[in-house]
Full PDB file with SEQRES, HELIX, SHEET, SSBOND, CRYST1, ORIGX, SCALE, CONECT and MASTER records, all heavy atoms in Angstrom:
SEQRES   1 A   31  ASP GLU LEU ALA PHE TRP ASN ARG SER LEU VAL GLU GLU          
SEQRES   2 A   31  GLU ALA LYS LEU ILE TYR ASP ALA THR ASN ASN ASN PRO          
SEQRES   3 A   31  GLY LYS THR ALA ASN                                          
HELIX    1 AA1 GLU A   12  ASN A   23  1                                  12    
CRYST1    1.000    1.000    1.000  90.00  90.00  90.00 P 1           1          
ORIGX1      1.000000  0.000000  0.000000        0.00000                         
ORIGX2      0.000000  1.000000  0.000000        0.00000                         
ORIGX3      0.000000  0.000000  1.000000        0.00000                         
SCALE1      1.000000  0.000000  0.000000        0.00000                         
SCALE2      0.000000  1.000000  0.000000        0.00000                         
SCALE3      0.000000  0.000000  1.000000        0.00000                         
ATOM      1  N   ASP A   1      -7.808   4.227  -7.467  1.00  0.00           N  
ATOM      2  CA  ASP A   1      -8.833   3.511  -6.702  1.00  0.00           C  
ATOM      3  C   ASP A   1     -10.229   3.897  -7.356  1.00  0.00           C  
ATOM      4  O   ASP A   1     -10.471   4.756  -8.218  1.00  0.00           O  
ATOM      5  CB  ASP A   1      -8.884   4.161  -5.268  1.00  0.00           C  
ATOM      6  CG  ASP A   1      -9.545   3.266  -4.317  1.00  0.00           C  
ATOM      7  OD1 ASP A   1      -9.861   2.128  -4.630  1.00  0.00           O  
ATOM      8  OD2 ASP A   1      -9.689   3.719  -3.077  1.00  0.00           O  
ATOM      9  N   GLU A   2     -11.169   2.868  -7.039  1.00  0.00           N  
ATOM     10  CA  GLU A   2     -12.504   3.060  -7.486  1.00  0.00           C  
ATOM     11  C   GLU A   2     -12.757   3.255  -8.990  1.00  0.00           C  
ATOM     12  O   GLU A   2     -13.436   4.201  -9.324  1.00  0.00           O  
ATOM     13  CB  GLU A   2     -13.249   4.114  -6.628  1.00  0.00           C  
ATOM     14  CG  GLU A   2     -13.212   3.872  -5.124  1.00  0.00           C  
ATOM     15  CD  GLU A   2     -13.828   2.622  -4.634  1.00  0.00           C  
ATOM     16  OE1 GLU A   2     -14.716   2.139  -5.304  1.00  0.00           O  
ATOM     17  OE2 GLU A   2     -13.460   2.114  -3.597  1.00  0.00           O  
ATOM     18  N   LEU A   3     -12.162   2.452  -9.822  1.00  0.00           N  
ATOM     19  CA  LEU A   3     -12.321   2.551 -11.154  1.00  0.00           C  
ATOM     20  C   LEU A   3     -13.674   1.972 -11.705  1.00  0.00           C  
ATOM     21  O   LEU A   3     -13.858   0.801 -11.359  1.00  0.00           O  
ATOM     22  CB  LEU A   3     -11.141   1.842 -11.888  1.00  0.00           C  
ATOM     23  CG  LEU A   3     -11.249   1.716 -13.470  1.00  0.00           C  
ATOM     24  CD1 LEU A   3     -11.213   3.131 -14.100  1.00  0.00           C  
ATOM     25  CD2 LEU A   3     -10.072   0.865 -13.958  1.00  0.00           C  
ATOM     26  N   ALA A   4     -14.546   2.768 -12.243  1.00  0.00           N  
ATOM     27  CA  ALA A   4     -15.768   2.252 -12.689  1.00  0.00           C  
ATOM     28  C   ALA A   4     -16.214   2.778 -14.151  1.00  0.00           C  
ATOM     29  O   ALA A   4     -15.663   3.787 -14.621  1.00  0.00           O  
ATOM     30  CB  ALA A   4     -16.859   2.824 -11.741  1.00  0.00           C  
ATOM     31  N   PHE A   5     -17.002   1.925 -14.816  1.00  0.00           N  
ATOM     32  CA  PHE A   5     -17.324   2.212 -16.189  1.00  0.00           C  
ATOM     33  C   PHE A   5     -18.880   2.121 -16.315  1.00  0.00           C  
ATOM     34  O   PHE A   5     -19.538   1.235 -15.654  1.00  0.00           O  
ATOM     35  CB  PHE A   5     -16.804   1.127 -17.128  1.00  0.00           C  
ATOM     36  CG  PHE A   5     -15.245   1.094 -17.148  1.00  0.00           C  
ATOM     37  CD1 PHE A   5     -14.543   0.228 -16.146  1.00  0.00           C  
ATOM     38  CD2 PHE A   5     -14.616   1.693 -18.058  1.00  0.00           C  
ATOM     39  CE1 PHE A   5     -13.168   0.197 -16.210  1.00  0.00           C  
ATOM     40  CE2 PHE A   5     -13.167   1.657 -18.143  1.00  0.00           C  
ATOM     41  CZ  PHE A   5     -12.516   0.889 -17.135  1.00  0.00           C  
ATOM     42  N   TRP A   6     -19.337   3.068 -17.124  1.00  0.00           N  
ATOM     43  CA  TRP A   6     -20.873   3.169 -17.292  1.00  0.00           C  
ATOM     44  C   TRP A   6     -21.065   3.134 -18.789  1.00  0.00           C  
ATOM     45  O   TRP A   6     -20.248   3.605 -19.671  1.00  0.00           O  
ATOM     46  CB  TRP A   6     -21.470   4.502 -16.816  1.00  0.00           C  
ATOM     47  CG  TRP A   6     -21.774   4.693 -15.415  1.00  0.00           C  
ATOM     48  CD1 TRP A   6     -22.950   4.521 -14.789  1.00  0.00           C  
ATOM     49  CD2 TRP A   6     -20.699   4.982 -14.403  1.00  0.00           C  
ATOM     50  NE1 TRP A   6     -22.821   4.692 -13.439  1.00  0.00           N  
ATOM     51  CE2 TRP A   6     -21.444   4.973 -13.119  1.00  0.00           C  
ATOM     52  CE3 TRP A   6     -19.480   5.160 -14.433  1.00  0.00           C  
ATOM     53  CZ2 TRP A   6     -20.845   5.302 -11.875  1.00  0.00           C  
ATOM     54  CZ3 TRP A   6     -18.776   5.535 -13.206  1.00  0.00           C  
ATOM     55  CH2 TRP A   6     -19.466   5.559 -11.952  1.00  0.00           C  
ATOM     56  N   ASN A   7     -22.125   2.466 -19.246  1.00  0.00           N  
ATOM     57  CA  ASN A   7     -22.638   2.514 -20.659  1.00  0.00           C  
ATOM     58  C   ASN A   7     -23.634   3.722 -20.900  1.00  0.00           C  
ATOM     59  O   ASN A   7     -24.655   3.630 -21.611  1.00  0.00           O  
ATOM     60  CB  ASN A   7     -23.279   1.228 -21.091  1.00  0.00           C  
ATOM     61  CG  ASN A   7     -24.385   0.813 -20.347  1.00  0.00           C  
ATOM     62  OD1 ASN A   7     -24.756   1.403 -19.313  1.00  0.00           O  
ATOM     63  ND2 ASN A   7     -25.006  -0.420 -20.625  1.00  0.00           N  
ATOM     64  N   ARG A   8     -23.394   4.822 -20.329  1.00  0.00           N  
ATOM     65  CA  ARG A   8     -24.136   6.078 -20.445  1.00  0.00           C  
ATOM     66  C   ARG A   8     -23.233   7.223 -20.038  1.00  0.00           C  
ATOM     67  O   ARG A   8     -22.187   7.001 -19.574  1.00  0.00           O  
ATOM     68  CB  ARG A   8     -25.450   6.076 -19.567  1.00  0.00           C  
ATOM     69  CG  ARG A   8     -25.172   6.030 -18.048  1.00  0.00           C  
ATOM     70  CD  ARG A   8     -26.426   5.970 -17.326  1.00  0.00           C  
ATOM     71  NE  ARG A   8     -26.204   5.875 -15.827  1.00  0.00           N  
ATOM     72  CZ  ARG A   8     -26.146   6.990 -15.050  1.00  0.00           C  
ATOM     73  NH1 ARG A   8     -26.146   8.241 -15.661  1.00  0.00           N  
ATOM     74  NH2 ARG A   8     -25.872   6.969 -13.825  1.00  0.00           N  
ATOM     75  N   SER A   9     -23.757   8.344 -20.360  1.00  0.00           N  
ATOM     76  CA  SER A   9     -22.994   9.534 -20.103  1.00  0.00           C  
ATOM     77  C   SER A   9     -23.293  10.326 -18.783  1.00  0.00           C  
ATOM     78  O   SER A   9     -24.422  10.736 -18.587  1.00  0.00           O  
ATOM     79  CB  SER A   9     -23.226  10.676 -21.205  1.00  0.00           C  
ATOM     80  OG  SER A   9     -23.033  10.073 -22.533  1.00  0.00           O  
ATOM     81  N   LEU A  10     -22.362  10.213 -17.881  1.00  0.00           N  
ATOM     82  CA  LEU A  10     -22.597  10.918 -16.641  1.00  0.00           C  
ATOM     83  C   LEU A  10     -22.551  12.399 -16.803  1.00  0.00           C  
ATOM     84  O   LEU A  10     -21.911  12.954 -17.700  1.00  0.00           O  
ATOM     85  CB  LEU A  10     -21.446  10.537 -15.708  1.00  0.00           C  
ATOM     86  CG  LEU A  10     -21.259   9.053 -15.224  1.00  0.00           C  
ATOM     87  CD1 LEU A  10     -20.176   8.924 -14.290  1.00  0.00           C  
ATOM     88  CD2 LEU A  10     -22.603   8.572 -14.658  1.00  0.00           C  
ATOM     89  N   VAL A  11     -23.360  13.046 -15.922  1.00  0.00           N  
ATOM     90  CA  VAL A  11     -23.427  14.480 -16.000  1.00  0.00           C  
ATOM     91  C   VAL A  11     -22.694  15.066 -14.789  1.00  0.00           C  
ATOM     92  O   VAL A  11     -22.370  14.290 -13.866  1.00  0.00           O  
ATOM     93  CB  VAL A  11     -24.905  14.968 -16.043  1.00  0.00           C  
ATOM     94  CG1 VAL A  11     -25.491  14.458 -17.364  1.00  0.00           C  
ATOM     95  CG2 VAL A  11     -25.633  14.499 -14.846  1.00  0.00           C  
ATOM     96  N   GLU A  12     -22.561  16.399 -14.755  1.00  0.00           N  
ATOM     97  CA  GLU A  12     -21.740  17.004 -13.682  1.00  0.00           C  
ATOM     98  C   GLU A  12     -22.421  16.796 -12.292  1.00  0.00           C  
ATOM     99  O   GLU A  12     -21.702  16.625 -11.348  1.00  0.00           O  
ATOM    100  CB  GLU A  12     -21.692  18.524 -13.926  1.00  0.00           C  
ATOM    101  CG  GLU A  12     -20.738  19.181 -12.886  1.00  0.00           C  
ATOM    102  CD  GLU A  12     -20.422  20.712 -13.368  1.00  0.00           C  
ATOM    103  OE1 GLU A  12     -21.074  21.174 -14.271  1.00  0.00           O  
ATOM    104  OE2 GLU A  12     -19.628  21.326 -12.692  1.00  0.00           O  
ATOM    105  N   GLU A  13     -23.726  16.826 -12.230  1.00  0.00           N  
ATOM    106  CA  GLU A  13     -24.286  16.541 -10.908  1.00  0.00           C  
ATOM    107  C   GLU A  13     -23.965  15.184 -10.358  1.00  0.00           C  
ATOM    108  O   GLU A  13     -23.707  15.052  -9.187  1.00  0.00           O  
ATOM    109  CB  GLU A  13     -25.917  16.659 -11.085  1.00  0.00           C  
ATOM    110  CG  GLU A  13     -26.635  16.673  -9.854  1.00  0.00           C  
ATOM    111  CD  GLU A  13     -28.133  16.929 -10.042  1.00  0.00           C  
ATOM    112  OE1 GLU A  13     -28.575  16.572 -11.133  1.00  0.00           O  
ATOM    113  OE2 GLU A  13     -28.851  17.415  -9.191  1.00  0.00           O  
ATOM    114  N   GLU A  14     -23.953  14.237 -11.210  1.00  0.00           N  
ATOM    115  CA  GLU A  14     -23.475  12.767 -10.762  1.00  0.00           C  
ATOM    116  C   GLU A  14     -21.999  12.733 -10.408  1.00  0.00           C  
ATOM    117  O   GLU A  14     -21.592  12.228  -9.369  1.00  0.00           O  
ATOM    118  CB  GLU A  14     -23.735  11.821 -11.897  1.00  0.00           C  
ATOM    119  CG  GLU A  14     -25.279  11.569 -12.156  1.00  0.00           C  
ATOM    120  CD  GLU A  14     -25.481  10.788 -13.388  1.00  0.00           C  
ATOM    121  OE1 GLU A  14     -24.975  11.241 -14.475  1.00  0.00           O  
ATOM    122  OE2 GLU A  14     -26.170   9.677 -13.329  1.00  0.00           O  
ATOM    123  N   ALA A  15     -21.180  13.469 -11.175  1.00  0.00           N  
ATOM    124  CA  ALA A  15     -19.730  13.512 -10.789  1.00  0.00           C  
ATOM    125  C   ALA A  15     -19.461  14.190  -9.566  1.00  0.00           C  
ATOM    126  O   ALA A  15     -18.737  13.682  -8.719  1.00  0.00           O  
ATOM    127  CB  ALA A  15     -18.923  14.230 -11.991  1.00  0.00           C  
ATOM    128  N   LYS A  16     -20.232  15.358  -9.227  1.00  0.00           N  
ATOM    129  CA  LYS A  16     -20.060  15.985  -8.020  1.00  0.00           C  
ATOM    130  C   LYS A  16     -20.592  15.096  -6.754  1.00  0.00           C  
ATOM    131  O   LYS A  16     -19.877  15.124  -5.706  1.00  0.00           O  
ATOM    132  CB  LYS A  16     -20.786  17.252  -8.037  1.00  0.00           C  
ATOM    133  CG  LYS A  16     -20.724  18.017  -6.684  1.00  0.00           C  
ATOM    134  CD  LYS A  16     -21.312  19.430  -6.831  1.00  0.00           C  
ATOM    135  CE  LYS A  16     -21.304  20.126  -5.468  1.00  0.00           C  
ATOM    136  NZ  LYS A  16     -19.987  20.238  -4.810  1.00  0.00           N  
ATOM    137  N   LEU A  17     -21.672  14.434  -7.064  1.00  0.00           N  
ATOM    138  CA  LEU A  17     -22.100  13.539  -5.911  1.00  0.00           C  
ATOM    139  C   LEU A  17     -21.101  12.413  -5.575  1.00  0.00           C  
ATOM    140  O   LEU A  17     -20.762  12.179  -4.407  1.00  0.00           O  
ATOM    141  CB  LEU A  17     -23.421  12.874  -6.411  1.00  0.00           C  
ATOM    142  CG  LEU A  17     -24.015  11.841  -5.501  1.00  0.00           C  
ATOM    143  CD1 LEU A  17     -24.490  12.486  -4.191  1.00  0.00           C  
ATOM    144  CD2 LEU A  17     -25.214  11.148  -6.166  1.00  0.00           C  
ATOM    145  N   ILE A  18     -20.579  11.864  -6.597  1.00  0.00           N  
ATOM    146  CA  ILE A  18     -19.505  10.735  -6.391  1.00  0.00           C  
ATOM    147  C   ILE A  18     -18.341  11.363  -5.628  1.00  0.00           C  
ATOM    148  O   ILE A  18     -17.824  10.767  -4.645  1.00  0.00           O  
ATOM    149  CB  ILE A  18     -19.084  10.048  -7.637  1.00  0.00           C  
ATOM    150  CG1 ILE A  18     -20.299   9.444  -8.310  1.00  0.00           C  
ATOM    151  CG2 ILE A  18     -17.921   9.090  -7.490  1.00  0.00           C  
ATOM    152  CD1 ILE A  18     -20.071   8.879  -9.743  1.00  0.00           C  
ATOM    153  N   TYR A  19     -17.848  12.535  -6.179  1.00  0.00           N  
ATOM    154  CA  TYR A  19     -16.785  13.265  -5.435  1.00  0.00           C  
ATOM    155  C   TYR A  19     -17.104  13.514  -4.009  1.00  0.00           C  
ATOM    156  O   TYR A  19     -16.304  13.316  -3.061  1.00  0.00           O  
ATOM    157  CB  TYR A  19     -16.325  14.437  -6.224  1.00  0.00           C  
ATOM    158  CG  TYR A  19     -15.370  15.282  -5.480  1.00  0.00           C  
ATOM    159  CD1 TYR A  19     -13.998  14.879  -5.415  1.00  0.00           C  
ATOM    160  CD2 TYR A  19     -15.666  16.514  -4.869  1.00  0.00           C  
ATOM    161  CE1 TYR A  19     -13.049  15.697  -4.784  1.00  0.00           C  
ATOM    162  CE2 TYR A  19     -14.725  17.301  -4.342  1.00  0.00           C  
ATOM    163  CZ  TYR A  19     -13.433  16.826  -4.229  1.00  0.00           C  
ATOM    164  OH  TYR A  19     -12.509  17.585  -3.556  1.00  0.00           O  
ATOM    165  N   ASP A  20     -18.153  14.195  -3.767  1.00  0.00           N  
ATOM    166  CA  ASP A  20     -18.507  14.664  -2.422  1.00  0.00           C  
ATOM    167  C   ASP A  20     -18.703  13.461  -1.447  1.00  0.00           C  
ATOM    168  O   ASP A  20     -18.333  13.604  -0.264  1.00  0.00           O  
ATOM    169  CB  ASP A  20     -19.747  15.404  -2.471  1.00  0.00           C  
ATOM    170  CG  ASP A  20     -19.570  16.849  -2.940  1.00  0.00           C  
ATOM    171  OD1 ASP A  20     -18.371  17.311  -3.102  1.00  0.00           O  
ATOM    172  OD2 ASP A  20     -20.629  17.530  -3.306  1.00  0.00           O  
ATOM    173  N   ALA A  21     -19.335  12.376  -1.944  1.00  0.00           N  
ATOM    174  CA  ALA A  21     -19.583  11.188  -1.132  1.00  0.00           C  
ATOM    175  C   ALA A  21     -18.272  10.740  -0.467  1.00  0.00           C  
ATOM    176  O   ALA A  21     -18.226  10.259   0.716  1.00  0.00           O  
ATOM    177  CB  ALA A  21     -20.275  10.104  -1.889  1.00  0.00           C  
ATOM    178  N   THR A  22     -17.151  10.860  -1.194  1.00  0.00           N  
ATOM    179  CA  THR A  22     -15.882  10.274  -0.715  1.00  0.00           C  
ATOM    180  C   THR A  22     -15.170  11.487  -0.010  1.00  0.00           C  
ATOM    181  O   THR A  22     -14.699  11.371   1.132  1.00  0.00           O  
ATOM    182  CB  THR A  22     -15.016   9.779  -1.858  1.00  0.00           C  
ATOM    183  OG1 THR A  22     -15.691   8.637  -2.402  1.00  0.00           O  
ATOM    184  CG2 THR A  22     -13.656   9.369  -1.264  1.00  0.00           C  
ATOM    185  N   ASN A  23     -15.054  12.641  -0.595  1.00  0.00           N  
ATOM    186  CA  ASN A  23     -14.219  13.700  -0.020  1.00  0.00           C  
ATOM    187  C   ASN A  23     -14.830  14.285   1.302  1.00  0.00           C  
ATOM    188  O   ASN A  23     -14.000  14.601   2.193  1.00  0.00           O  
ATOM    189  CB  ASN A  23     -14.285  14.890  -0.951  1.00  0.00           C  
ATOM    190  CG  ASN A  23     -13.311  15.944  -0.630  1.00  0.00           C  
ATOM    191  OD1 ASN A  23     -12.075  15.714  -0.586  1.00  0.00           O  
ATOM    192  ND2 ASN A  23     -13.747  17.106  -0.310  1.00  0.00           N  
ATOM    193  N   ASN A  24     -16.126  14.127   1.601  1.00  0.00           N  
ATOM    194  CA  ASN A  24     -16.755  14.677   2.768  1.00  0.00           C  
ATOM    195  C   ASN A  24     -16.851  13.578   3.838  1.00  0.00           C  
ATOM    196  O   ASN A  24     -17.378  13.821   4.890  1.00  0.00           O  
ATOM    197  CB  ASN A  24     -18.127  15.320   2.492  1.00  0.00           C  
ATOM    198  CG  ASN A  24     -17.946  16.508   1.500  1.00  0.00           C  
ATOM    199  OD1 ASN A  24     -16.856  16.995   1.308  1.00  0.00           O  
ATOM    200  ND2 ASN A  24     -19.132  16.874   0.937  1.00  0.00           N  
ATOM    201  N   ASN A  25     -16.473  12.392   3.573  1.00  0.00           N  
ATOM    202  CA  ASN A  25     -16.807  11.210   4.459  1.00  0.00           C  
ATOM    203  C   ASN A  25     -15.536  10.442   4.744  1.00  0.00           C  
ATOM    204  O   ASN A  25     -15.344   9.405   4.003  1.00  0.00           O  
ATOM    205  CB  ASN A  25     -17.998  10.431   4.036  1.00  0.00           C  
ATOM    206  CG  ASN A  25     -19.229  11.233   3.963  1.00  0.00           C  
ATOM    207  OD1 ASN A  25     -19.926  11.424   4.963  1.00  0.00           O  
ATOM    208  ND2 ASN A  25     -19.688  11.675   2.766  1.00  0.00           N  
ATOM    209  N   PRO A  26     -14.620  10.790   5.536  1.00  0.00           N  
ATOM    210  CA  PRO A  26     -13.355   9.989   5.758  1.00  0.00           C  
ATOM    211  C   PRO A  26     -13.632   8.467   5.949  1.00  0.00           C  
ATOM    212  O   PRO A  26     -14.504   8.095   6.795  1.00  0.00           O  
ATOM    213  CB  PRO A  26     -12.734  10.701   6.906  1.00  0.00           C  
ATOM    214  CG  PRO A  26     -13.161  12.110   6.890  1.00  0.00           C  
ATOM    215  CD  PRO A  26     -14.636  11.942   6.473  1.00  0.00           C  
ATOM    216  N   GLY A  27     -12.906   7.593   5.324  1.00  0.00           N  
ATOM    217  CA  GLY A  27     -13.069   6.266   5.461  1.00  0.00           C  
ATOM    218  C   GLY A  27     -14.253   5.672   4.675  1.00  0.00           C  
ATOM    219  O   GLY A  27     -14.431   4.429   4.824  1.00  0.00           O  
ATOM    220  N   LYS A  28     -14.888   6.446   3.981  1.00  0.00           N  
ATOM    221  CA  LYS A  28     -16.070   6.004   3.211  1.00  0.00           C  
ATOM    222  C   LYS A  28     -15.927   6.390   1.737  1.00  0.00           C  
ATOM    223  O   LYS A  28     -15.077   7.274   1.331  1.00  0.00           O  
ATOM    224  CB  LYS A  28     -17.445   6.598   3.784  1.00  0.00           C  
ATOM    225  CG  LYS A  28     -17.628   6.303   5.214  1.00  0.00           C  
ATOM    226  CD  LYS A  28     -18.079   4.864   5.406  1.00  0.00           C  
ATOM    227  CE  LYS A  28     -18.534   4.650   6.842  1.00  0.00           C  
ATOM    228  NZ  LYS A  28     -18.907   3.231   7.050  1.00  0.00           N  
ATOM    229  N   THR A  29     -16.709   5.817   0.909  1.00  0.00           N  
ATOM    230  CA  THR A  29     -16.833   6.285  -0.544  1.00  0.00           C  
ATOM    231  C   THR A  29     -18.159   6.003  -1.013  1.00  0.00           C  
ATOM    232  O   THR A  29     -19.021   5.321  -0.334  1.00  0.00           O  
ATOM    233  CB  THR A  29     -15.796   5.434  -1.367  1.00  0.00           C  
ATOM    234  OG1 THR A  29     -15.625   6.088  -2.637  1.00  0.00           O  
ATOM    235  CG2 THR A  29     -16.192   4.027  -1.553  1.00  0.00           C  
ATOM    236  N   ALA A  30     -18.428   6.550  -2.143  1.00  0.00           N  
ATOM    237  CA  ALA A  30     -19.730   6.332  -2.812  1.00  0.00           C  
ATOM    238  C   ALA A  30     -20.025   4.761  -3.170  1.00  0.00           C  
ATOM    239  O   ALA A  30     -19.131   4.226  -3.809  1.00  0.00           O  
ATOM    240  CB  ALA A  30     -19.992   7.101  -4.056  1.00  0.00           C  
ATOM    241  N   ASN A  31     -21.126   4.272  -2.776  1.00  0.00           N  
ATOM    242  CA  ASN A  31     -21.465   2.925  -3.255  1.00  0.00           C  
ATOM    243  C   ASN A  31     -22.191   3.023  -4.664  1.00  0.00           C  
ATOM    244  O   ASN A  31     -23.368   3.286  -4.763  1.00  0.00           O  
ATOM    245  CB  ASN A  31     -22.447   2.257  -2.280  1.00  0.00           C  
ATOM    246  CG  ASN A  31     -22.870   0.780  -2.647  1.00  0.00           C  
ATOM    247  OD1 ASN A  31     -22.595   0.474  -3.750  1.00  0.00           O  
ATOM    248  ND2 ASN A  31     -23.470   0.084  -1.678  1.00  0.00           N  
TER     249      ASN A  31                                                      
MASTER        0    0    0    1    0    0    0    6  248    1    0    3          
END                                                                             
C-alpha cells in the first residue's frame, strides 16, 4: 500500500511522521 517516490532524500524525521500518521490513526493515512 501507499507506494510513493520522491526526487530527494527523505530523512528520519519525515519517515517517522509518515509512519505515525498512519499507525496512530486507524482508517487514515498520511496525505
